[in-house]
Amino acid sequence: MPDVRPTLLAVLVANDERTQEEIVEGFERWAREHGEDATLSLRTLRRWMIGDVRTKPRPAQRRVARAYWGYSMEELLSPPREGAPASSGASGSDGPDRADDGERSTAIEPVAPGGGSALERQVTMSTRRATRFTSYAESRNVGPEALATLAEEIGGLAADYVREPVTKVLGDLIEAQETVFSLLEAQQRPQEARDLYMLASVVSGLIAKASHDLRRPHDAMAHARTMFVCADNADHLSLRAWARGLQSLIAYWAGRIEDAVRYAEAGAMFTGELRGSVTAWLPALEARAWAQLGHTAEARAAVERARNRRDTIIADELDRMGGLMAFPLAKQHYYAAGAYVYLGEPDADDAAESEATAALDLYGDPESPEWSFSDEAGARAELALARVHRSELDGAREALEPVFALEPERRIGGIVASADRVHQALRDSRFAQAAAAKDLREEIESFCQVSAARLAV
């Protein structure tokens, strides 16, 4: 068996007493403290550790890496030189990118070797490197192994998306998109090209959602269009429908409610032969938009269509991928609450509370594969809004307390907008003299001031 040597970075990480998560946090903290626009995700760190760098790290990342570890990026991504110390900030390299003494003083201090765990990490890194090499070896005519690896990676990102802050997954999404686009730009066989277009469609949709969550609707819609074009090239009905649903979602939260209805209706045109959960998602999207427009009959009819579709769902390729690509029952209850809460009828707020409560019951287990921090927060906001409509201010505050506890990087666009809608309802004249309403408004204002979008600026 050939000798697969770990990179210098892998050795440094293996000999570090901190966890990989703590190393990533330290990297980003150093960047912030020194005014560098550089981020690092756990997934990217692990790729660097196995030397799997498809696109050259940005200059800011290279500068921070050199100061943080005391070696140039070229050195970090290569096996350590014979006789070189296996600790951060070690001397002994004459590379042109070597940091000066001042830069090395900021690197992590040398630590004791990690013992047996280092061997396990080296085996894991070697396996990952071998898997990535398969992808490179097949890059001109991508084969089934490379496609399976890409599909697994992108499916993992779809699952991570509903659980992790957008700032943690965006870099990996962009890297995955670049990989798929690069393969498509090479000469591929028709079947492999179709599979690659399918993956390109999925990852473009995830990036569109990330752009939306960072409150960049124009960018989000551009990526959603790319998603649809790729779905069209893949001749994938579910993805065509999903892309239109995504455009409806973006338009809804951007205040373009008529467009939200139009996109949802356009997506439904592809669902005649489909049985996946996207067939329930589209009428659920439509219901919320109709309710915002004050079209009560149309909103109620759309909620009912979504329920009827739920009864006939058979999981398809997107549902099996899971995460953001699926539309679970909990999310359907949340959407129904978002429709009822705007109908303005005597029973509508009770129905909204019932639907939101049903969603929260299903979201009660964070270990469930269907759990989503953003959708749980959205359901809580709809519940709070229903209670404000009934002048139950203490109940509204109770519903929002877990939302207020979200760290800023999880305060994505939809959550902030949902909280702001509660704020608007609290400005009703009947609450003009209510101290509880004033206090809750101030809490919402404080919550919205520090959001994921602001952190990304």
Protein backbone atom coordinates (compact mmCIF):
# COMPACT_ATOMS: atom_id res chain seq x y z
CA MET A 1 0.00 0.00 0.00
CA PRO A 2 1.40 3.44 -0.86
CA ASP A 3 2.27 5.73 2.02
CA VAL A 4 -0.38 8.45 2.32
CA ARG A 5 1.15 11.23 4.38
CA PRO A 6 -1.08 13.67 6.23
CA THR A 7 -0.84 17.38 5.57
CA LEU A 8 1.00 19.65 7.96
CA LEU A 9 -2.36 21.15 8.94
CA ALA A 10 -3.71 17.70 9.82
CA VAL A 11 -0.71 17.09 12.07
CA LEU A 12 -1.16 20.47 13.76
CA VAL A 13 -4.84 19.81 14.37
CA ALA A 14 -4.18 16.28 15.62
CA ASN A 15 -1.63 17.65 18.11
CA ASP A 16 -3.95 20.43 19.29
CA GLU A 17 -5.74 19.88 22.61
CA ARG A 18 -8.77 21.80 21.34
CA THR A 19 -11.61 20.28 19.37
CA GLN A 20 -11.89 21.02 15.68
CA GLU A 21 -14.93 23.18 16.45
CA GLU A 22 -12.86 25.24 18.90
CA ILE A 23 -10.09 25.62 16.31
CA VAL A 24 -12.60 26.94 13.77
CA GLU A 25 -14.01 29.37 16.34
CA GLY A 26 -10.49 30.56 17.14
CA PHE A 27 -9.72 31.13 13.45
CA GLU A 28 -12.85 33.23 12.96
CA ARG A 29 -12.29 35.12 16.21
CA TRP A 30 -8.74 36.02 15.12
CA ALA A 31 -10.10 37.23 11.76
CA ARG A 32 -12.69 39.45 13.43
CA GLU A 33 -10.23 40.90 15.92
CA HIS A 34 -7.80 41.79 13.15
CA GLY A 35 -10.34 43.16 10.68
CA GLU A 36 -10.00 40.33 8.16
CA ASP A 37 -13.00 39.25 6.05
CA ALA A 38 -12.29 35.53 6.45
CA THR A 39 -14.51 32.69 7.59
CA LEU A 40 -13.86 28.99 8.08
CA SER A 41 -16.40 26.21 8.40
CA LEU A 42 -15.75 22.87 10.04
CA ARG A 43 -16.25 21.14 6.70
CA THR A 44 -13.70 23.40 5.00
CA LEU A 45 -11.14 22.83 7.78
CA ARG A 46 -11.48 19.09 7.29
CA ARG A 47 -11.00 19.46 3.54
CA TRP A 48 -7.89 21.53 4.10
CA MET A 49 -6.62 18.84 6.46
CA ILE A 50 -6.76 16.23 3.68
CA GLY A 51 -5.40 18.61 1.07
CA ASP A 52 -8.72 18.66 -0.80
CA VAL A 53 -8.72 22.23 -2.13
CA ARG A 54 -10.64 22.61 -5.37
CA THR A 55 -10.50 26.39 -5.44
CA LYS A 56 -7.65 28.42 -3.97
CA PRO A 57 -8.53 29.89 -0.58
CA ARG A 58 -9.21 33.60 -0.68
CA PRO A 59 -6.34 35.99 0.16
CA ALA A 60 -7.93 36.90 3.50
CA GLN A 61 -8.20 33.22 4.44
CA ARG A 62 -4.57 32.66 3.48
CA ARG A 63 -3.43 35.65 5.55
CA VAL A 64 -5.36 34.55 8.62
CA ALA A 65 -4.21 30.94 8.23
CA ARG A 66 -0.57 32.04 8.04
CA ALA A 67 -0.89 34.17 11.16
CA TYR A 68 -3.07 31.66 13.03
CA TRP A 69 -0.94 28.56 12.43
CA GLY A 70 2.40 30.17 11.61
CA TYR A 71 2.76 28.58 8.17
CA SER A 72 1.84 29.57 4.63
CA MET A 73 -1.22 27.97 3.07
CA GLU A 74 1.03 26.06 0.67
CA GLU A 75 2.91 24.55 3.60
CA LEU A 76 -0.28 23.78 5.55
CA LEU A 77 -1.81 21.86 2.65
CA SER A 78 1.35 19.82 2.01
CA PRO A 79 2.92 16.99 4.03
CA PRO A 80 5.28 18.31 6.71
CA ARG A 81 8.94 18.50 5.73
CA GLU A 82 11.20 15.84 7.14
CA GLY A 83 12.36 16.91 10.57
CA ALA A 84 9.95 19.84 10.82
CA PRO A 85 8.37 20.28 14.28
CA ALA A 86 4.73 19.15 14.38
CA SER A 87 3.41 22.13 16.28
CA SER A 88 2.01 25.50 15.34
CA GLY A 89 4.34 28.44 14.94
CA ALA A 90 7.38 26.15 14.47
CA SER A 91 10.35 27.48 12.59
CA GLY A 92 12.32 25.74 9.91
CA SER A 93 10.66 26.69 6.61
CA ASP A 94 12.16 28.98 4.05
CA GLY A 95 8.93 29.27 2.06
CA PRO A 96 8.21 32.66 0.52
CA ASP A 97 4.92 32.99 2.42
CA ARG A 98 6.47 32.36 5.84
CA ALA A 99 5.01 34.80 8.37
CA ASP A 100 7.45 37.08 10.13
CA ASP A 101 8.01 36.87 13.88
CA GLY A 102 5.17 39.26 14.58
CA GLU A 103 2.72 37.10 12.67
CA ARG A 104 3.88 33.89 14.28
CA SER A 105 3.32 35.33 17.73
CA THR A 106 -0.43 35.15 17.09
CA ALA A 107 -0.42 31.46 16.18
CA ILE A 108 -1.62 28.75 18.54
CA GLU A 109 0.93 27.55 21.05
CA PRO A 110 2.65 24.16 20.68
CA VAL A 111 0.78 21.41 22.49
CA ALA A 112 1.42 17.78 23.39
CA PRO A 113 0.68 15.10 20.78
CA GLY A 114 -2.82 13.69 20.83
CA GLY A 115 -1.83 10.01 21.19
CA GLY A 116 -3.94 7.27 19.60
CA SER A 117 -6.63 9.68 18.40
CA ALA A 118 -4.13 11.11 15.92
CA LEU A 119 -3.91 7.72 14.18
CA GLU A 120 -7.67 7.51 13.91
CA ARG A 121 -7.79 10.99 12.41
CA GLN A 122 -5.08 10.09 9.90
CA VAL A 123 -7.03 7.01 8.77
CA THR A 124 -10.17 9.14 8.40
CA MET A 125 -8.28 11.79 6.46
CA SER A 126 -6.72 9.18 4.20
CA THR A 127 -10.14 7.72 3.43
CA ARG A 128 -11.55 11.12 2.60
CA ARG A 129 -8.56 11.94 0.43
CA ALA A 130 -8.98 8.69 -1.49
CA THR A 131 -12.66 9.45 -2.00
CA ARG A 132 -11.87 12.91 -3.32
CA PHE A 133 -9.19 11.52 -5.62
CA THR A 134 -11.86 9.36 -7.24
CA SER A 135 -13.76 12.52 -8.11
CA TYR A 136 -10.68 14.13 -9.66
CA ALA A 137 -9.77 11.00 -11.59
CA GLU A 138 -13.20 10.96 -13.21
CA SER A 139 -13.43 14.73 -13.77
CA ARG A 140 -13.50 14.58 -17.56
CA ASN A 141 -16.12 11.86 -17.70
CA VAL A 142 -17.55 11.80 -14.23
CA GLY A 143 -18.41 8.30 -13.06
CA PRO A 144 -20.87 6.76 -10.61
CA GLU A 145 -18.51 6.89 -7.63
CA ALA A 146 -17.86 10.60 -8.00
CA LEU A 147 -21.56 11.27 -8.53
CA ALA A 148 -22.44 9.27 -5.43
CA THR A 149 -19.90 11.25 -3.41
CA LEU A 150 -21.25 14.58 -4.65
CA ALA A 151 -24.85 13.52 -4.04
CA GLU A 152 -23.99 12.45 -0.49
CA GLU A 153 -22.19 15.73 0.17
CA ILE A 154 -24.99 17.91 -1.19
CA GLY A 155 -27.62 15.85 0.60
CA GLY A 156 -25.66 16.37 3.81
CA LEU A 157 -25.68 20.12 3.22
CA ALA A 158 -29.46 20.06 2.68
CA ALA A 159 -29.82 18.27 6.01
CA ASP A 160 -27.37 20.60 7.77
CA TYR A 161 -29.16 23.68 6.45
CA VAL A 162 -32.20 23.37 8.72
CA ARG A 163 -30.04 22.73 11.79
CA GLU A 164 -27.01 24.99 11.42
CA PRO A 165 -26.62 28.77 11.06
CA VAL A 166 -26.47 29.89 7.44
CA THR A 167 -23.05 31.44 8.05
CA LYS A 168 -21.67 27.97 8.82
CA VAL A 169 -22.90 26.23 5.66
CA LEU A 170 -22.74 28.94 3.00
CA GLY A 171 -19.04 28.49 2.23
CA ASP A 172 -19.50 24.75 1.75
CA LEU A 173 -22.52 25.34 -0.48
CA ILE A 174 -20.57 27.70 -2.71
CA GLU A 175 -17.69 25.25 -2.92
CA ALA A 176 -20.03 22.38 -3.82
CA GLN A 177 -21.71 24.50 -6.48
CA GLU A 178 -18.33 25.37 -7.98
CA THR A 179 -17.41 21.69 -8.13
CA VAL A 180 -20.62 20.72 -9.92
CA PHE A 181 -20.46 23.66 -12.32
CA SER A 182 -16.83 22.82 -13.16
CA LEU A 183 -17.75 19.23 -13.94
CA LEU A 184 -20.64 20.37 -16.11
CA GLU A 185 -18.35 22.70 -18.03
CA ALA A 186 -16.19 19.68 -18.93
CA GLN A 187 -17.32 17.16 -21.51
CA GLN A 188 -19.67 14.66 -19.87
CA ARG A 189 -21.78 11.78 -21.09
CA PRO A 190 -25.53 12.57 -21.34
CA GLN A 191 -26.64 10.53 -18.33
CA GLU A 192 -23.88 11.88 -16.08
CA ALA A 193 -24.65 15.41 -17.30
CA ARG A 194 -28.30 14.95 -16.33
CA ASP A 195 -27.31 13.77 -12.84
CA LEU A 196 -24.93 16.70 -12.47
CA TYR A 197 -27.63 19.15 -13.51
CA MET A 198 -29.86 17.63 -10.87
CA LEU A 199 -27.19 18.21 -8.20
CA ALA A 200 -26.49 21.70 -9.55
CA SER A 201 -30.18 22.47 -9.23
CA VAL A 202 -30.30 21.33 -5.60
CA VAL A 203 -27.19 23.21 -4.51
CA SER A 204 -28.30 26.36 -6.35
CA GLY A 205 -31.61 26.15 -4.51
CA LEU A 206 -29.80 25.89 -1.20
CA ILE A 207 -27.69 28.94 -2.04
CA ALA A 208 -30.85 30.80 -3.07
CA LYS A 209 -32.36 30.03 0.34
CA ALA A 210 -29.15 31.16 2.04
CA SER A 211 -29.24 34.45 0.12
CA HIS A 212 -32.87 34.88 1.15
CA ASP A 213 -32.05 34.17 4.78
CA LEU A 214 -29.36 36.86 4.63
CA ARG A 215 -32.02 39.28 3.35
CA ARG A 216 -30.67 39.53 -0.20
CA PRO A 217 -33.83 38.83 -2.22
CA HIS A 218 -32.36 39.91 -5.57
CA ASP A 219 -29.47 37.45 -5.22
CA ALA A 220 -31.85 34.80 -3.93
CA MET A 221 -34.09 35.10 -6.96
CA ALA A 222 -31.08 34.93 -9.32
CA HIS A 223 -29.96 31.64 -7.74
CA ALA A 224 -33.54 30.34 -7.80
CA ARG A 225 -33.66 30.98 -11.55
CA THR A 226 -30.41 29.06 -11.91
CA MET A 227 -32.01 26.25 -9.94
CA PHE A 228 -34.94 26.14 -12.36
CA VAL A 229 -32.69 26.19 -15.45
CA CYS A 230 -30.63 23.30 -14.06
CA ALA A 231 -33.81 21.39 -13.18
CA ASP A 232 -35.01 21.94 -16.73
CA ASN A 233 -31.74 20.59 -18.13
CA ALA A 234 -32.06 17.59 -15.84
CA ASP A 235 -35.69 17.13 -16.96
CA HIS A 236 -36.59 16.83 -13.27
CA LEU A 237 -40.24 17.63 -12.55
CA SER A 238 -39.93 17.72 -8.75
CA LEU A 239 -37.05 20.17 -8.91
CA ARG A 240 -38.89 22.38 -11.40
CA ALA A 241 -41.82 22.50 -8.99
CA TRP A 242 -39.49 23.06 -6.02
CA ALA A 243 -37.73 25.95 -7.79
CA ARG A 244 -41.05 27.70 -8.39
CA GLY A 245 -41.96 27.12 -4.76
CA LEU A 246 -38.69 28.68 -3.70
CA GLN A 247 -39.40 31.71 -5.88
CA SER A 248 -42.81 31.97 -4.22
CA LEU A 249 -41.18 31.87 -0.79
CA ILE A 250 -38.66 34.58 -1.70
CA ALA A 251 -41.36 36.81 -3.18
CA TYR A 252 -43.62 36.30 -0.12
CA TRP A 253 -41.05 37.50 2.39
CA ALA A 254 -39.96 40.32 0.08
CA GLY A 255 -43.51 41.69 0.20
CA ARG A 256 -44.33 40.77 -3.42
CA ILE A 257 -47.42 38.82 -2.46
CA GLU A 258 -49.08 38.66 -5.90
CA ASP A 259 -45.84 37.23 -7.29
CA ALA A 260 -45.79 34.68 -4.48
CA VAL A 261 -49.21 33.42 -5.57
CA ARG A 262 -48.16 33.39 -9.22
CA TYR A 263 -45.01 31.37 -8.59
CA ALA A 264 -46.84 28.85 -6.39
CA GLU A 265 -49.48 28.37 -9.07
CA ALA A 266 -46.76 27.98 -11.72
CA GLY A 267 -45.08 25.30 -9.63
CA ALA A 268 -48.35 23.40 -9.29
CA MET A 269 -48.39 22.98 -13.07
CA PHE A 270 -45.56 20.44 -12.72
CA THR A 271 -47.16 18.35 -9.96
CA GLY A 272 -49.82 16.45 -11.89
CA GLU A 273 -47.83 13.21 -11.89
CA LEU A 274 -45.82 13.87 -8.72
CA ARG A 275 -46.41 12.35 -5.29
CA GLY A 276 -43.62 13.91 -3.20
CA SER A 277 -44.10 16.46 -0.44
CA VAL A 278 -43.49 19.36 -2.85
CA THR A 279 -47.09 18.76 -3.97
CA ALA A 280 -48.26 19.84 -0.48
CA TRP A 281 -45.71 22.63 -0.16
CA LEU A 282 -46.97 24.60 -3.17
CA PRO A 283 -50.62 24.98 -2.03
CA ALA A 284 -49.37 25.72 1.49
CA LEU A 285 -47.26 28.57 0.08
CA GLU A 286 -50.26 29.75 -1.92
CA ALA A 287 -52.48 29.72 1.18
CA ARG A 288 -50.23 32.09 3.12
CA ALA A 289 -50.01 34.49 0.19
CA TRP A 290 -53.77 34.51 -0.41
CA ALA A 291 -54.31 35.22 3.30
CA GLN A 292 -51.92 38.18 3.13
CA LEU A 293 -53.95 39.54 0.21
CA GLY A 294 -57.19 39.18 2.19
CA HIS A 295 -58.63 36.49 -0.11
CA THR A 296 -60.18 34.33 2.58
CA ALA A 297 -61.91 31.76 0.37
CA GLU A 298 -58.83 31.16 -1.75
CA ALA A 299 -56.62 30.84 1.35
CA ARG A 300 -58.90 28.29 3.00
CA ALA A 301 -59.19 26.32 -0.25
CA ALA A 302 -55.40 26.22 -0.59
CA VAL A 303 -54.98 24.98 3.00
CA GLU A 304 -57.44 22.21 2.20
CA ARG A 305 -55.61 21.29 -1.02
CA ALA A 306 -52.38 21.01 0.95
CA ARG A 307 -54.10 18.68 3.45
CA ASN A 308 -55.48 16.51 0.67
CA ARG A 309 -52.06 16.28 -0.94
CA ARG A 310 -50.53 15.26 2.39
CA ASP A 311 -52.76 12.19 2.43
CA THR A 312 -51.38 10.99 -0.92
CA ILE A 313 -47.66 11.70 -0.46
CA ILE A 314 -45.15 9.03 -1.39
CA ALA A 315 -41.58 10.09 -0.60
CA ASP A 316 -39.62 10.97 -3.72
CA GLU A 317 -35.95 11.69 -4.38
CA LEU A 318 -36.09 15.11 -2.73
CA ASP A 319 -37.91 13.80 0.34
CA ARG A 320 -35.29 11.09 0.75
CA MET A 321 -32.63 13.78 0.58
CA GLY A 322 -34.43 15.43 3.48
CA GLY A 323 -33.54 18.61 5.29
CA LEU A 324 -34.51 21.71 3.38
CA MET A 325 -35.63 19.69 0.34
CA ALA A 326 -38.52 18.02 2.19
CA PHE A 327 -41.81 19.47 3.43
CA PRO A 328 -42.66 17.57 6.63
CA LEU A 329 -46.00 17.61 8.40
CA ALA A 330 -44.72 19.95 11.13
CA LYS A 331 -43.85 22.55 8.51
CA GLN A 332 -47.28 22.19 6.93
CA HIS A 333 -48.92 22.97 10.27
CA TYR A 334 -46.67 26.04 10.59
CA TYR A 335 -47.68 27.26 7.12
CA ALA A 336 -51.37 26.72 7.88
CA ALA A 337 -50.97 28.81 11.04
CA GLY A 338 -49.37 31.52 8.89
CA ALA A 339 -52.44 31.51 6.66
CA TYR A 340 -55.14 31.45 9.35
CA VAL A 341 -53.55 34.19 11.43
CA TYR A 342 -54.20 36.71 8.64
CA LEU A 343 -57.77 35.77 7.75
CA GLY A 344 -59.36 38.14 10.26
CA GLU A 345 -62.35 35.86 10.92
CA PRO A 346 -63.74 34.99 14.38
CA ASP A 347 -62.39 31.44 14.39
CA ALA A 348 -59.20 32.10 12.45
CA ASP A 349 -56.94 32.96 15.39
CA ASP A 350 -58.08 29.85 17.25
CA ALA A 351 -57.29 27.79 14.15
CA ALA A 352 -53.90 29.50 13.86
CA GLU A 353 -53.08 28.67 17.48
CA SER A 354 -54.13 25.06 16.95
CA GLU A 355 -51.95 24.69 13.85
CA ALA A 356 -48.95 26.41 15.45
CA THR A 357 -49.26 24.24 18.55
CA ALA A 358 -49.41 21.11 16.39
CA ALA A 359 -46.23 22.23 14.62
CA LEU A 360 -44.43 22.92 17.90
CA ASP A 361 -45.45 19.53 19.28
CA LEU A 362 -43.82 17.87 16.27
CA TYR A 363 -40.76 20.12 16.54
CA GLY A 364 -40.36 19.22 20.21
CA ASP A 365 -37.44 16.85 19.60
CA PRO A 366 -34.35 18.63 18.24
CA GLU A 367 -32.87 15.21 17.40
CA SER A 368 -35.68 14.47 14.96
CA PRO A 369 -34.52 14.54 11.31
CA GLU A 370 -37.47 16.83 10.56
CA TRP A 371 -36.53 19.43 13.18
CA SER A 372 -35.71 22.93 11.92
CA PHE A 373 -34.69 25.80 14.18
CA SER A 374 -36.07 28.39 11.74
CA ASP A 375 -39.44 26.71 11.21
CA GLU A 376 -39.89 26.18 14.94
CA ALA A 377 -39.18 29.90 15.45
CA GLY A 378 -41.62 30.76 12.66
CA ALA A 379 -44.36 28.67 14.26
CA ARG A 380 -43.74 30.43 17.58
CA ALA A 381 -44.07 33.81 15.89
CA GLU A 382 -47.40 32.82 14.31
CA LEU A 383 -48.60 31.57 17.70
CA ALA A 384 -47.58 34.87 19.30
CA LEU A 385 -49.39 36.81 16.57
CA ALA A 386 -52.61 34.84 17.10
CA ARG A 387 -52.41 35.59 20.83
CA VAL A 388 -51.79 39.29 20.24
CA HIS A 389 -54.93 39.36 18.09
CA ARG A 390 -56.81 38.00 21.11
CA SER A 391 -55.08 40.50 23.44
CA GLU A 392 -53.25 37.68 25.25
CA LEU A 393 -49.99 39.56 25.65
CA ASP A 394 -48.47 37.34 28.33
CA GLY A 395 -49.15 34.33 26.11
CA ALA A 396 -47.53 36.07 23.15
CA ARG A 397 -44.44 36.80 25.21
CA GLU A 398 -44.29 33.17 26.37
CA ALA A 399 -44.43 31.98 22.76
CA LEU A 400 -41.56 34.26 21.73
CA GLU A 401 -39.18 33.67 24.64
CA PRO A 402 -37.34 30.76 22.94
CA VAL A 403 -37.06 32.88 19.78
CA PHE A 404 -35.45 35.74 21.71
CA ALA A 405 -32.88 33.23 22.99
CA LEU A 406 -31.61 32.44 19.48
CA GLU A 407 -28.01 33.50 18.95
CA PRO A 408 -27.61 36.28 16.34
CA GLU A 409 -26.24 33.96 13.63
CA ARG A 410 -29.55 32.04 13.70
CA ARG A 411 -31.68 35.17 13.37
CA ILE A 412 -32.26 34.75 9.64
CA GLY A 413 -34.47 36.92 7.48
CA GLY A 414 -37.73 35.02 7.89
CA ILE A 415 -37.43 34.87 11.67
CA VAL A 416 -36.71 38.58 11.93
CA ALA A 417 -39.59 39.40 9.58
CA SER A 418 -41.97 37.18 11.56
CA ALA A 419 -40.98 38.89 14.81
CA ASP A 420 -41.48 42.26 13.16
CA ARG A 421 -45.03 41.29 12.21
CA VAL A 422 -45.78 40.69 15.88
CA HIS A 423 -44.26 44.10 16.59
CA GLN A 424 -46.62 45.68 14.03
CA ALA A 425 -49.64 44.02 15.64
CA LEU A 426 -48.58 45.34 19.04
CA ARG A 427 -48.78 48.90 17.68
CA ASP A 428 -52.56 48.62 17.44
CA SER A 429 -54.34 51.48 19.22
CA ARG A 430 -55.91 49.15 21.79
CA PHE A 431 -52.45 48.52 23.21
CA ALA A 432 -51.47 52.18 23.40
CA GLN A 433 -51.53 52.24 27.20
CA ALA A 434 -50.51 48.63 27.82
CA ALA A 435 -47.13 48.35 29.54
CA ALA A 436 -46.87 44.67 28.53
CA ALA A 437 -47.22 45.62 24.87
CA LYS A 438 -44.56 48.31 25.18
CA ASP A 439 -42.14 45.91 26.89
CA LEU A 440 -42.69 43.23 24.26
CA ARG A 441 -42.19 45.70 21.43
CA GLU A 442 -38.88 46.76 22.96
CA GLU A 443 -37.75 43.14 23.27
CA ILE A 444 -38.58 42.53 19.62
CA GLU A 445 -36.71 45.67 18.58
CA SER A 446 -33.64 44.56 20.52
CA PHE A 447 -33.87 41.06 19.00
CA CYS A 448 -34.09 42.36 15.43
CA GLN A 449 -31.18 44.78 15.76
CA VAL A 450 -28.59 41.99 15.69
CA SER A 451 -29.35 39.48 12.94
CA ALA A 452 -27.52 37.02 10.69
CA ALA A 453 -27.80 39.51 7.83
CA ARG A 454 -26.08 42.22 9.88
CA LEU A 455 -23.32 39.82 10.92
CA ALA A 456 -22.70 39.00 7.25
CA VAL A 457 -22.16 42.65 6.29
